[in-house]
Amino acid sequence: MRIIAGAAKGRRLKAPKGPLTRPMMDRAKEAIFSSLGAAVTEAAVLDLYAGSGNLGLEALSRGARHAVFVEWRRAARQVIEANIAAVGLGGEVVAAKVEDFLGHGTGSYDLAFVDPPYDLALPSVEAILGQLVRWLADDATVVVHRRSGSGAIAGIPGLVLSDRRKYGDADITRFMKEAKA
């Protein structure tokens, strides 16, 4: 696993050991970031179920201004911290379960990555997305990575489906925060 483009292009990233973390294929990651384009530049990024920090670190490499990595597993947080140090572009690691983090407060993130364990049930993913809405800035983008065939995410109040793609065994779904009337 590596950073594909930007200031830290080519830097290798470590991955936590164990079945709960699966690195995203470079092909899928490149497709995501190509589709996001300039939306990454100067973005405040939230990386939920951060694992290795792969997505948030790629965003920082491509010009995001700040990234917050939310991860509850200690071993994964240690890997994220090592990857942040290796990449050298900063970032904040939050030790919390995603639902606990989202349940307290609000934010103003321009870009959020939601990459839950493949075994997290669809209703739980939808509940997380429902909580996430209040953490998003106007015109924010949300990218969700799930196992292919695990069910399509239903309508989430406050989010509008903008794209859905399949890469190998992964489904990548992108939402935009619904514009206020």
N, C-alpha and C. Protein backbone atom coordinates (compact mmCIF):
# COMPACT_ATOMS: atom_id res chain seq x y z
N MET A 1 0.85 -1.16 0.00
CA MET A 1 0.00 0.00 0.00
C MET A 1 0.90 1.23 0.00
N ARG A 2 0.50 2.22 -0.79
CA ARG A 2 1.35 3.41 -0.94
C ARG A 2 0.49 4.63 -1.23
N ILE A 3 1.10 5.80 -1.10
CA ILE A 3 0.47 7.04 -1.52
C ILE A 3 0.64 7.12 -3.04
N ILE A 4 -0.45 7.37 -3.76
CA ILE A 4 -0.44 7.31 -5.22
C ILE A 4 0.02 8.60 -5.87
N ALA A 5 -0.38 9.75 -5.32
CA ALA A 5 -0.07 11.02 -5.99
C ALA A 5 0.11 12.13 -4.96
N GLY A 6 0.64 13.24 -5.43
CA GLY A 6 0.78 14.42 -4.59
C GLY A 6 2.13 14.54 -3.91
N ALA A 7 2.16 15.33 -2.85
CA ALA A 7 3.39 15.67 -2.16
C ALA A 7 4.12 14.45 -1.60
N ALA A 8 3.39 13.42 -1.22
CA ALA A 8 4.01 12.23 -0.62
C ALA A 8 3.97 11.02 -1.55
N LYS A 9 3.83 11.27 -2.84
CA LYS A 9 3.73 10.18 -3.82
C LYS A 9 4.83 9.14 -3.63
N GLY A 10 4.40 7.87 -3.63
CA GLY A 10 5.34 6.76 -3.53
C GLY A 10 5.65 6.31 -2.12
N ARG A 11 5.27 7.10 -1.10
CA ARG A 11 5.55 6.69 0.28
C ARG A 11 4.75 5.43 0.61
N ARG A 12 5.41 4.48 1.20
CA ARG A 12 4.79 3.22 1.60
C ARG A 12 4.07 3.42 2.93
N LEU A 13 2.92 2.76 3.05
CA LEU A 13 2.14 2.81 4.28
C LEU A 13 2.06 1.42 4.89
N LYS A 14 2.06 1.38 6.20
CA LYS A 14 1.87 0.12 6.92
C LYS A 14 0.37 -0.14 7.04
N ALA A 15 0.01 -1.40 7.25
CA ALA A 15 -1.39 -1.77 7.48
C ALA A 15 -1.48 -2.56 8.78
N PRO A 16 -2.54 -2.31 9.56
CA PRO A 16 -2.72 -3.10 10.78
C PRO A 16 -2.93 -4.57 10.43
N LYS A 17 -2.47 -5.44 11.30
CA LYS A 17 -2.68 -6.87 11.10
C LYS A 17 -4.07 -7.24 11.60
N GLY A 18 -4.63 -8.27 11.02
CA GLY A 18 -5.92 -8.77 11.48
C GLY A 18 -7.00 -8.67 10.43
N PRO A 19 -8.11 -9.35 10.67
CA PRO A 19 -9.17 -9.45 9.66
C PRO A 19 -10.05 -8.20 9.53
N LEU A 20 -9.96 -7.26 10.47
CA LEU A 20 -10.85 -6.10 10.42
C LEU A 20 -10.37 -5.03 9.45
N THR A 21 -9.13 -5.12 9.01
CA THR A 21 -8.59 -4.11 8.09
C THR A 21 -8.25 -4.77 6.77
N ARG A 22 -8.76 -4.19 5.70
CA ARG A 22 -8.39 -4.66 4.37
C ARG A 22 -8.01 -3.43 3.55
N PRO A 23 -6.79 -3.40 3.04
CA PRO A 23 -6.35 -2.24 2.27
C PRO A 23 -7.16 -2.11 0.98
N MET A 24 -7.49 -0.88 0.63
CA MET A 24 -8.20 -0.62 -0.62
C MET A 24 -7.23 -0.80 -1.79
N MET A 25 -7.70 -1.41 -2.85
CA MET A 25 -6.88 -1.59 -4.05
C MET A 25 -6.48 -0.22 -4.60
N ASP A 26 -5.23 -0.12 -5.10
CA ASP A 26 -4.77 1.14 -5.68
C ASP A 26 -5.69 1.62 -6.80
N ARG A 27 -6.22 0.67 -7.58
CA ARG A 27 -7.10 1.03 -8.70
C ARG A 27 -8.35 1.75 -8.20
N ALA A 28 -8.94 1.23 -7.13
CA ALA A 28 -10.15 1.86 -6.56
C ALA A 28 -9.80 3.21 -5.95
N LYS A 29 -8.69 3.27 -5.23
CA LYS A 29 -8.28 4.54 -4.60
C LYS A 29 -8.01 5.60 -5.67
N GLU A 30 -7.32 5.23 -6.72
CA GLU A 30 -7.03 6.18 -7.80
C GLU A 30 -8.33 6.67 -8.44
N ALA A 31 -9.28 5.77 -8.67
CA ALA A 31 -10.56 6.15 -9.26
C ALA A 31 -11.31 7.13 -8.35
N ILE A 32 -11.31 6.86 -7.06
CA ILE A 32 -11.97 7.77 -6.11
C ILE A 32 -11.37 9.15 -6.20
N PHE A 33 -10.06 9.23 -6.10
CA PHE A 33 -9.41 10.54 -6.06
C PHE A 33 -9.46 11.25 -7.41
N SER A 34 -9.45 10.51 -8.50
CA SER A 34 -9.61 11.14 -9.81
C SER A 34 -10.99 11.76 -9.93
N SER A 35 -12.01 11.06 -9.41
CA SER A 35 -13.37 11.59 -9.49
C SER A 35 -13.56 12.79 -8.56
N LEU A 36 -12.83 12.84 -7.47
CA LEU A 36 -12.94 13.97 -6.54
C LEU A 36 -12.24 15.21 -7.07
N GLY A 37 -11.16 15.01 -7.81
CA GLY A 37 -10.44 16.12 -8.43
C GLY A 37 -10.08 17.23 -7.45
N ALA A 38 -10.41 18.45 -7.81
CA ALA A 38 -10.05 19.63 -7.04
C ALA A 38 -10.79 19.72 -5.71
N ALA A 39 -11.82 18.91 -5.50
CA ALA A 39 -12.56 18.95 -4.24
C ALA A 39 -11.68 18.57 -3.05
N VAL A 40 -10.57 17.92 -3.30
CA VAL A 40 -9.66 17.51 -2.23
C VAL A 40 -8.81 18.69 -1.76
N THR A 41 -8.47 19.58 -2.66
CA THR A 41 -7.59 20.70 -2.35
C THR A 41 -8.20 21.57 -1.27
N GLU A 42 -7.45 21.78 -0.20
CA GLU A 42 -7.85 22.61 0.94
C GLU A 42 -9.04 22.04 1.73
N ALA A 43 -9.40 20.80 1.50
CA ALA A 43 -10.53 20.19 2.20
C ALA A 43 -10.17 19.83 3.64
N ALA A 44 -11.17 19.92 4.50
CA ALA A 44 -11.09 19.34 5.84
C ALA A 44 -11.65 17.93 5.70
N VAL A 45 -10.84 16.93 6.05
CA VAL A 45 -11.16 15.53 5.77
C VAL A 45 -11.42 14.77 7.07
N LEU A 46 -12.46 13.92 7.03
CA LEU A 46 -12.78 13.03 8.13
C LEU A 46 -12.67 11.60 7.60
N ASP A 47 -11.79 10.81 8.21
CA ASP A 47 -11.55 9.42 7.80
C ASP A 47 -12.09 8.52 8.90
N LEU A 48 -13.30 7.95 8.69
CA LEU A 48 -13.95 7.11 9.69
C LEU A 48 -13.61 5.65 9.45
N TYR A 49 -13.41 4.91 10.51
CA TYR A 49 -12.91 3.53 10.44
C TYR A 49 -11.58 3.57 9.70
N ALA A 50 -10.69 4.42 10.17
CA ALA A 50 -9.49 4.80 9.42
C ALA A 50 -8.53 3.65 9.12
N GLY A 51 -8.48 2.62 9.95
CA GLY A 51 -7.61 1.48 9.66
C GLY A 51 -6.14 1.84 9.62
N SER A 52 -5.61 2.08 8.44
CA SER A 52 -4.21 2.48 8.26
C SER A 52 -4.08 3.99 8.04
N GLY A 53 -5.20 4.67 7.81
CA GLY A 53 -5.16 6.09 7.47
C GLY A 53 -4.95 6.33 5.99
N ASN A 54 -5.00 5.27 5.20
CA ASN A 54 -4.72 5.29 3.77
C ASN A 54 -5.46 6.42 3.03
N LEU A 55 -6.78 6.52 3.22
CA LEU A 55 -7.56 7.49 2.45
C LEU A 55 -7.30 8.92 2.91
N GLY A 56 -7.29 9.15 4.20
CA GLY A 56 -7.02 10.50 4.70
C GLY A 56 -5.62 10.97 4.35
N LEU A 57 -4.65 10.07 4.40
CA LEU A 57 -3.27 10.44 4.05
C LEU A 57 -3.14 10.73 2.56
N GLU A 58 -3.86 9.97 1.73
CA GLU A 58 -3.86 10.26 0.28
C GLU A 58 -4.44 11.65 0.05
N ALA A 59 -5.50 11.99 0.78
CA ALA A 59 -6.10 13.33 0.64
C ALA A 59 -5.12 14.41 1.05
N LEU A 60 -4.41 14.21 2.16
CA LEU A 60 -3.41 15.20 2.58
C LEU A 60 -2.31 15.35 1.52
N SER A 61 -1.87 14.24 0.97
CA SER A 61 -0.84 14.29 -0.06
C SER A 61 -1.30 15.09 -1.27
N ARG A 62 -2.60 15.06 -1.55
CA ARG A 62 -3.17 15.75 -2.71
C ARG A 62 -3.66 17.15 -2.38
N GLY A 63 -3.34 17.67 -1.19
CA GLY A 63 -3.61 19.07 -0.90
C GLY A 63 -4.69 19.37 0.11
N ALA A 64 -5.25 18.36 0.76
CA ALA A 64 -6.22 18.64 1.83
C ALA A 64 -5.51 19.41 2.94
N ARG A 65 -6.24 20.28 3.62
CA ARG A 65 -5.61 21.11 4.64
C ARG A 65 -5.50 20.44 6.00
N HIS A 66 -6.39 19.50 6.27
CA HIS A 66 -6.40 18.85 7.58
C HIS A 66 -7.15 17.52 7.46
N ALA A 67 -6.75 16.54 8.26
CA ALA A 67 -7.46 15.25 8.29
C ALA A 67 -7.56 14.76 9.72
N VAL A 68 -8.73 14.23 10.04
CA VAL A 68 -8.98 13.59 11.33
C VAL A 68 -9.26 12.12 11.05
N PHE A 69 -8.54 11.25 11.76
CA PHE A 69 -8.64 9.80 11.60
C PHE A 69 -9.33 9.23 12.83
N VAL A 70 -10.49 8.63 12.66
CA VAL A 70 -11.23 8.05 13.79
C VAL A 70 -11.08 6.54 13.75
N GLU A 71 -10.53 5.99 14.82
CA GLU A 71 -10.27 4.55 14.90
C GLU A 71 -10.28 4.14 16.37
N TRP A 72 -10.97 3.06 16.70
CA TRP A 72 -11.05 2.64 18.09
C TRP A 72 -10.02 1.59 18.46
N ARG A 73 -9.50 0.82 17.50
CA ARG A 73 -8.54 -0.25 17.82
C ARG A 73 -7.14 0.34 18.04
N ARG A 74 -6.56 0.04 19.19
CA ARG A 74 -5.27 0.61 19.57
C ARG A 74 -4.18 0.27 18.55
N ALA A 75 -4.11 -0.98 18.11
CA ALA A 75 -3.07 -1.38 17.15
C ALA A 75 -3.20 -0.59 15.85
N ALA A 76 -4.43 -0.37 15.40
CA ALA A 76 -4.64 0.41 14.17
C ALA A 76 -4.23 1.87 14.39
N ARG A 77 -4.57 2.43 15.55
CA ARG A 77 -4.18 3.83 15.83
C ARG A 77 -2.66 3.97 15.81
N GLN A 78 -1.96 2.98 16.34
CA GLN A 78 -0.50 3.03 16.33
C GLN A 78 0.03 3.02 14.90
N VAL A 79 -0.59 2.22 14.04
CA VAL A 79 -0.19 2.18 12.63
C VAL A 79 -0.49 3.53 11.96
N ILE A 80 -1.65 4.10 12.23
CA ILE A 80 -1.98 5.41 11.65
C ILE A 80 -0.96 6.44 12.08
N GLU A 81 -0.62 6.46 13.37
CA GLU A 81 0.37 7.43 13.86
C GLU A 81 1.72 7.24 13.19
N ALA A 82 2.13 5.99 12.98
CA ALA A 82 3.39 5.72 12.28
C ALA A 82 3.30 6.18 10.83
N ASN A 83 2.16 5.96 10.18
CA ASN A 83 1.99 6.39 8.79
C ASN A 83 1.96 7.92 8.68
N ILE A 84 1.33 8.58 9.64
CA ILE A 84 1.32 10.05 9.64
C ILE A 84 2.75 10.56 9.75
N ALA A 85 3.54 9.97 10.64
CA ALA A 85 4.94 10.38 10.79
C ALA A 85 5.73 10.12 9.52
N ALA A 86 5.50 8.97 8.87
CA ALA A 86 6.24 8.63 7.65
C ALA A 86 5.88 9.55 6.49
N VAL A 87 4.61 9.94 6.40
CA VAL A 87 4.18 10.80 5.30
C VAL A 87 4.57 12.25 5.57
N GLY A 88 4.52 12.68 6.82
CA GLY A 88 4.99 14.00 7.20
C GLY A 88 4.07 15.16 6.85
N LEU A 89 2.78 14.90 6.74
CA LEU A 89 1.84 15.97 6.37
C LEU A 89 0.83 16.26 7.47
N GLY A 90 1.03 15.70 8.65
CA GLY A 90 0.14 15.96 9.77
C GLY A 90 -1.09 15.09 9.77
N GLY A 91 -2.00 15.43 10.67
CA GLY A 91 -3.24 14.68 10.85
C GLY A 91 -3.47 14.44 12.32
N GLU A 92 -4.72 14.27 12.68
CA GLU A 92 -5.11 14.06 14.08
C GLU A 92 -5.79 12.70 14.20
N VAL A 93 -5.35 11.91 15.17
CA VAL A 93 -5.94 10.60 15.41
C VAL A 93 -6.86 10.68 16.62
N VAL A 94 -8.09 10.23 16.45
CA VAL A 94 -9.07 10.22 17.54
C VAL A 94 -9.35 8.77 17.93
N ALA A 95 -9.16 8.46 19.20
CA ALA A 95 -9.39 7.12 19.73
C ALA A 95 -10.85 7.02 20.16
N ALA A 96 -11.71 6.54 19.27
CA ALA A 96 -13.13 6.42 19.58
C ALA A 96 -13.79 5.48 18.58
N LYS A 97 -14.89 4.88 19.02
CA LYS A 97 -15.75 4.18 18.07
C LYS A 97 -16.45 5.25 17.24
N VAL A 98 -16.66 4.97 15.99
CA VAL A 98 -17.23 5.96 15.07
C VAL A 98 -18.58 6.47 15.58
N GLU A 99 -19.45 5.55 16.02
CA GLU A 99 -20.78 5.99 16.47
C GLU A 99 -20.69 6.88 17.70
N ASP A 100 -19.71 6.65 18.58
CA ASP A 100 -19.52 7.51 19.75
C ASP A 100 -18.99 8.87 19.33
N PHE A 101 -18.02 8.89 18.44
CA PHE A 101 -17.47 10.15 17.94
C PHE A 101 -18.56 11.00 17.30
N LEU A 102 -19.35 10.40 16.41
CA LEU A 102 -20.39 11.14 15.69
C LEU A 102 -21.55 11.54 16.61
N GLY A 103 -21.73 10.81 17.71
CA GLY A 103 -22.84 11.09 18.61
C GLY A 103 -22.64 12.32 19.46
N HIS A 104 -21.44 12.87 19.49
CA HIS A 104 -21.16 14.04 20.34
C HIS A 104 -20.64 15.18 19.48
N GLY A 105 -21.39 16.25 19.39
CA GLY A 105 -20.91 17.45 18.70
C GLY A 105 -21.26 17.48 17.23
N THR A 106 -20.60 18.38 16.55
CA THR A 106 -20.77 18.57 15.11
C THR A 106 -19.42 18.98 14.54
N GLY A 107 -19.38 19.16 13.25
CA GLY A 107 -18.15 19.59 12.61
C GLY A 107 -18.47 20.31 11.33
N SER A 108 -17.45 20.50 10.52
CA SER A 108 -17.62 21.15 9.24
C SER A 108 -16.61 20.57 8.25
N TYR A 109 -16.78 19.29 7.94
CA TYR A 109 -15.86 18.59 7.04
C TYR A 109 -16.35 18.68 5.61
N ASP A 110 -15.39 18.87 4.70
CA ASP A 110 -15.68 18.97 3.27
C ASP A 110 -15.70 17.61 2.60
N LEU A 111 -15.00 16.66 3.18
CA LEU A 111 -14.83 15.34 2.57
C LEU A 111 -14.77 14.30 3.69
N ALA A 112 -15.60 13.27 3.59
CA ALA A 112 -15.59 12.21 4.59
C ALA A 112 -15.47 10.86 3.90
N PHE A 113 -14.60 10.02 4.46
CA PHE A 113 -14.45 8.65 3.99
C PHE A 113 -15.04 7.73 5.05
N VAL A 114 -15.92 6.83 4.63
CA VAL A 114 -16.55 5.87 5.53
C VAL A 114 -16.17 4.49 5.00
N ASP A 115 -15.27 3.82 5.70
CA ASP A 115 -14.72 2.54 5.25
C ASP A 115 -14.85 1.50 6.37
N PRO A 116 -16.12 1.13 6.70
CA PRO A 116 -16.35 0.23 7.84
C PRO A 116 -15.90 -1.19 7.56
N PRO A 117 -15.75 -1.98 8.62
CA PRO A 117 -15.47 -3.41 8.40
C PRO A 117 -16.55 -4.01 7.50
N TYR A 118 -16.16 -4.93 6.65
CA TYR A 118 -17.11 -5.53 5.72
C TYR A 118 -18.28 -6.21 6.43
N ASP A 119 -18.07 -6.67 7.65
CA ASP A 119 -19.16 -7.36 8.34
C ASP A 119 -20.13 -6.43 9.06
N LEU A 120 -19.92 -5.12 8.99
CA LEU A 120 -20.86 -4.19 9.60
C LEU A 120 -22.14 -4.18 8.77
N ALA A 121 -23.26 -4.47 9.41
CA ALA A 121 -24.54 -4.61 8.72
C ALA A 121 -24.97 -3.31 8.05
N LEU A 122 -25.69 -3.44 6.94
CA LEU A 122 -26.17 -2.29 6.18
C LEU A 122 -26.94 -1.29 7.04
N PRO A 123 -27.88 -1.71 7.91
CA PRO A 123 -28.57 -0.72 8.73
C PRO A 123 -27.62 0.09 9.63
N SER A 124 -26.56 -0.53 10.10
CA SER A 124 -25.57 0.18 10.92
C SER A 124 -24.82 1.22 10.10
N VAL A 125 -24.46 0.85 8.87
CA VAL A 125 -23.79 1.80 7.98
C VAL A 125 -24.71 2.99 7.69
N GLU A 126 -25.97 2.70 7.42
CA GLU A 126 -26.94 3.77 7.15
C GLU A 126 -27.12 4.68 8.37
N ALA A 127 -27.12 4.10 9.57
CA ALA A 127 -27.23 4.90 10.79
C ALA A 127 -26.02 5.82 10.95
N ILE A 128 -24.82 5.30 10.65
CA ILE A 128 -23.60 6.12 10.71
C ILE A 128 -23.71 7.28 9.74
N LEU A 129 -24.16 7.01 8.51
CA LEU A 129 -24.30 8.07 7.52
C LEU A 129 -25.32 9.12 7.97
N GLY A 130 -26.39 8.67 8.61
CA GLY A 130 -27.37 9.61 9.15
C GLY A 130 -26.78 10.52 10.20
N GLN A 131 -25.92 9.97 11.08
CA GLN A 131 -25.24 10.77 12.10
C GLN A 131 -24.21 11.72 11.48
N LEU A 132 -23.59 11.27 10.41
CA LEU A 132 -22.51 12.03 9.78
C LEU A 132 -22.98 13.34 9.18
N VAL A 133 -24.21 13.40 8.73
CA VAL A 133 -24.71 14.58 7.99
C VAL A 133 -24.43 15.88 8.74
N ARG A 134 -24.66 15.90 10.04
CA ARG A 134 -24.48 17.16 10.78
C ARG A 134 -23.01 17.56 10.93
N TRP A 135 -22.10 16.66 10.58
CA TRP A 135 -20.67 16.94 10.65
C TRP A 135 -20.13 17.51 9.33
N LEU A 136 -20.99 17.64 8.34
CA LEU A 136 -20.54 18.01 7.00
C LEU A 136 -20.78 19.48 6.68
N ALA A 137 -19.83 20.06 5.97
CA ALA A 137 -19.99 21.42 5.45
C ALA A 137 -20.96 21.38 4.27
N ASP A 138 -21.46 22.54 3.89
CA ASP A 138 -22.28 22.61 2.68
C ASP A 138 -21.47 22.10 1.50
N ASP A 139 -22.11 21.38 0.61
CA ASP A 139 -21.47 20.82 -0.59
C ASP A 139 -20.41 19.76 -0.29
N ALA A 140 -20.44 19.18 0.89
CA ALA A 140 -19.46 18.14 1.25
C ALA A 140 -19.72 16.87 0.45
N THR A 141 -18.66 16.07 0.33
CA THR A 141 -18.71 14.78 -0.34
C THR A 141 -18.43 13.68 0.67
N VAL A 142 -19.18 12.57 0.55
CA VAL A 142 -18.98 11.40 1.39
C VAL A 142 -18.71 10.22 0.48
N VAL A 143 -17.63 9.49 0.75
CA VAL A 143 -17.27 8.31 -0.03
C VAL A 143 -17.37 7.10 0.90
N VAL A 144 -18.16 6.10 0.51
CA VAL A 144 -18.38 4.90 1.31
C VAL A 144 -17.80 3.70 0.56
N HIS A 145 -17.00 2.90 1.27
CA HIS A 145 -16.37 1.70 0.71
C HIS A 145 -16.97 0.49 1.43
N ARG A 146 -17.63 -0.39 0.68
CA ARG A 146 -18.24 -1.60 1.24
C ARG A 146 -17.97 -2.79 0.34
N ARG A 147 -18.22 -3.97 0.87
CA ARG A 147 -18.07 -5.20 0.09
C ARG A 147 -19.14 -5.23 -1.01
N SER A 148 -18.73 -5.59 -2.20
CA SER A 148 -19.66 -5.72 -3.31
C SER A 148 -20.73 -6.75 -2.96
N GLY A 149 -21.98 -6.43 -3.27
CA GLY A 149 -23.08 -7.33 -3.01
C GLY A 149 -23.63 -7.27 -1.59
N SER A 150 -23.15 -6.31 -0.78
CA SER A 150 -23.62 -6.23 0.60
C SER A 150 -24.86 -5.36 0.76
N GLY A 151 -25.45 -4.97 -0.36
CA GLY A 151 -26.69 -4.20 -0.32
C GLY A 151 -26.46 -2.73 -0.60
N ALA A 152 -27.39 -2.16 -1.35
CA ALA A 152 -27.31 -0.74 -1.69
C ALA A 152 -27.78 0.10 -0.51
N ILE A 153 -27.09 1.18 -0.27
CA ILE A 153 -27.44 2.09 0.81
C ILE A 153 -28.71 2.83 0.40
N ALA A 154 -29.71 2.80 1.29
CA ALA A 154 -30.99 3.47 1.01
C ALA A 154 -30.83 4.98 1.15
N GLY A 155 -31.88 5.68 0.86
CA GLY A 155 -31.85 7.14 0.97
C GLY A 155 -31.51 7.58 2.39
N ILE A 156 -30.57 8.45 2.51
CA ILE A 156 -30.15 9.01 3.79
C ILE A 156 -30.58 10.47 3.80
N PRO A 157 -31.46 10.87 4.71
CA PRO A 157 -31.87 12.28 4.76
C PRO A 157 -30.65 13.20 4.87
N GLY A 158 -30.57 14.16 3.98
CA GLY A 158 -29.46 15.11 3.97
C GLY A 158 -28.35 14.75 3.00
N LEU A 159 -28.39 13.53 2.43
CA LEU A 159 -27.37 13.11 1.46
C LEU A 159 -28.04 12.73 0.15
N VAL A 160 -27.37 13.07 -0.95
CA VAL A 160 -27.87 12.75 -2.29
C VAL A 160 -26.84 11.84 -2.96
N LEU A 161 -27.29 10.69 -3.46
CA LEU A 161 -26.41 9.77 -4.16
C LEU A 161 -25.88 10.45 -5.42
N SER A 162 -24.56 10.43 -5.60
CA SER A 162 -23.99 11.04 -6.81
C SER A 162 -23.26 10.04 -7.70
N ASP A 163 -22.84 8.88 -7.14
CA ASP A 163 -22.13 7.91 -7.97
C ASP A 163 -22.03 6.59 -7.22
N ARG A 164 -22.04 5.50 -7.98
CA ARG A 164 -21.84 4.17 -7.40
C ARG A 164 -21.02 3.37 -8.41
N ARG A 165 -19.91 2.79 -7.96
CA ARG A 165 -19.03 2.01 -8.84
C ARG A 165 -18.59 0.74 -8.12
N LYS A 166 -18.20 -0.24 -8.94
CA LYS A 166 -17.68 -1.50 -8.41
C LYS A 166 -16.25 -1.67 -8.89
N TYR A 167 -15.35 -2.03 -7.95
CA TYR A 167 -13.95 -2.31 -8.26
C TYR A 167 -13.60 -3.62 -7.57
N GLY A 168 -13.49 -4.69 -8.34
CA GLY A 168 -13.22 -5.99 -7.74
C GLY A 168 -14.33 -6.36 -6.77
N ASP A 169 -13.97 -6.65 -5.52
CA ASP A 169 -14.98 -7.01 -4.52
C ASP A 169 -15.45 -5.81 -3.70
N ALA A 170 -15.18 -4.61 -4.18
CA ALA A 170 -15.54 -3.40 -3.44
C ALA A 170 -16.58 -2.56 -4.19
N ASP A 171 -17.55 -2.06 -3.44
CA ASP A 171 -18.49 -1.06 -3.95
C ASP A 171 -18.08 0.28 -3.37
N ILE A 172 -17.96 1.26 -4.24
CA ILE A 172 -17.65 2.62 -3.81
C ILE A 172 -18.87 3.48 -4.15
N THR A 173 -19.46 4.06 -3.11
CA THR A 173 -20.64 4.90 -3.28
C THR A 173 -20.30 6.31 -2.82
N ARG A 174 -20.68 7.28 -3.64
CA ARG A 174 -20.38 8.67 -3.30
C ARG A 174 -21.69 9.44 -3.14
N PHE A 175 -21.73 10.24 -2.08
CA PHE A 175 -22.87 11.09 -1.80
C PHE A 175 -22.40 12.54 -1.71
N MET A 176 -23.33 13.45 -1.96
CA MET A 176 -23.11 14.88 -1.73
C MET A 176 -24.08 15.31 -0.65
N LYS A 177 -23.64 16.26 0.18
CA LYS A 177 -24.58 16.78 1.16
C LYS A 177 -25.65 17.57 0.42
N GLU A 178 -26.88 17.33 0.79
CA GLU A 178 -28.01 17.97 0.13
C GLU A 178 -27.97 19.47 0.39
N ALA A 179 -28.14 20.25 -0.68
CA ALA A 179 -28.14 21.71 -0.56
C ALA A 179 -29.34 22.16 0.26
N LYS A 180 -29.11 23.14 1.10
CA LYS A 180 -30.21 23.69 1.89
C LYS A 180 -31.08 24.56 1.01
N ALA A 181 -32.39 24.49 1.24
CA ALA A 181 -33.33 25.27 0.42
C ALA A 181 -33.37 26.70 0.86
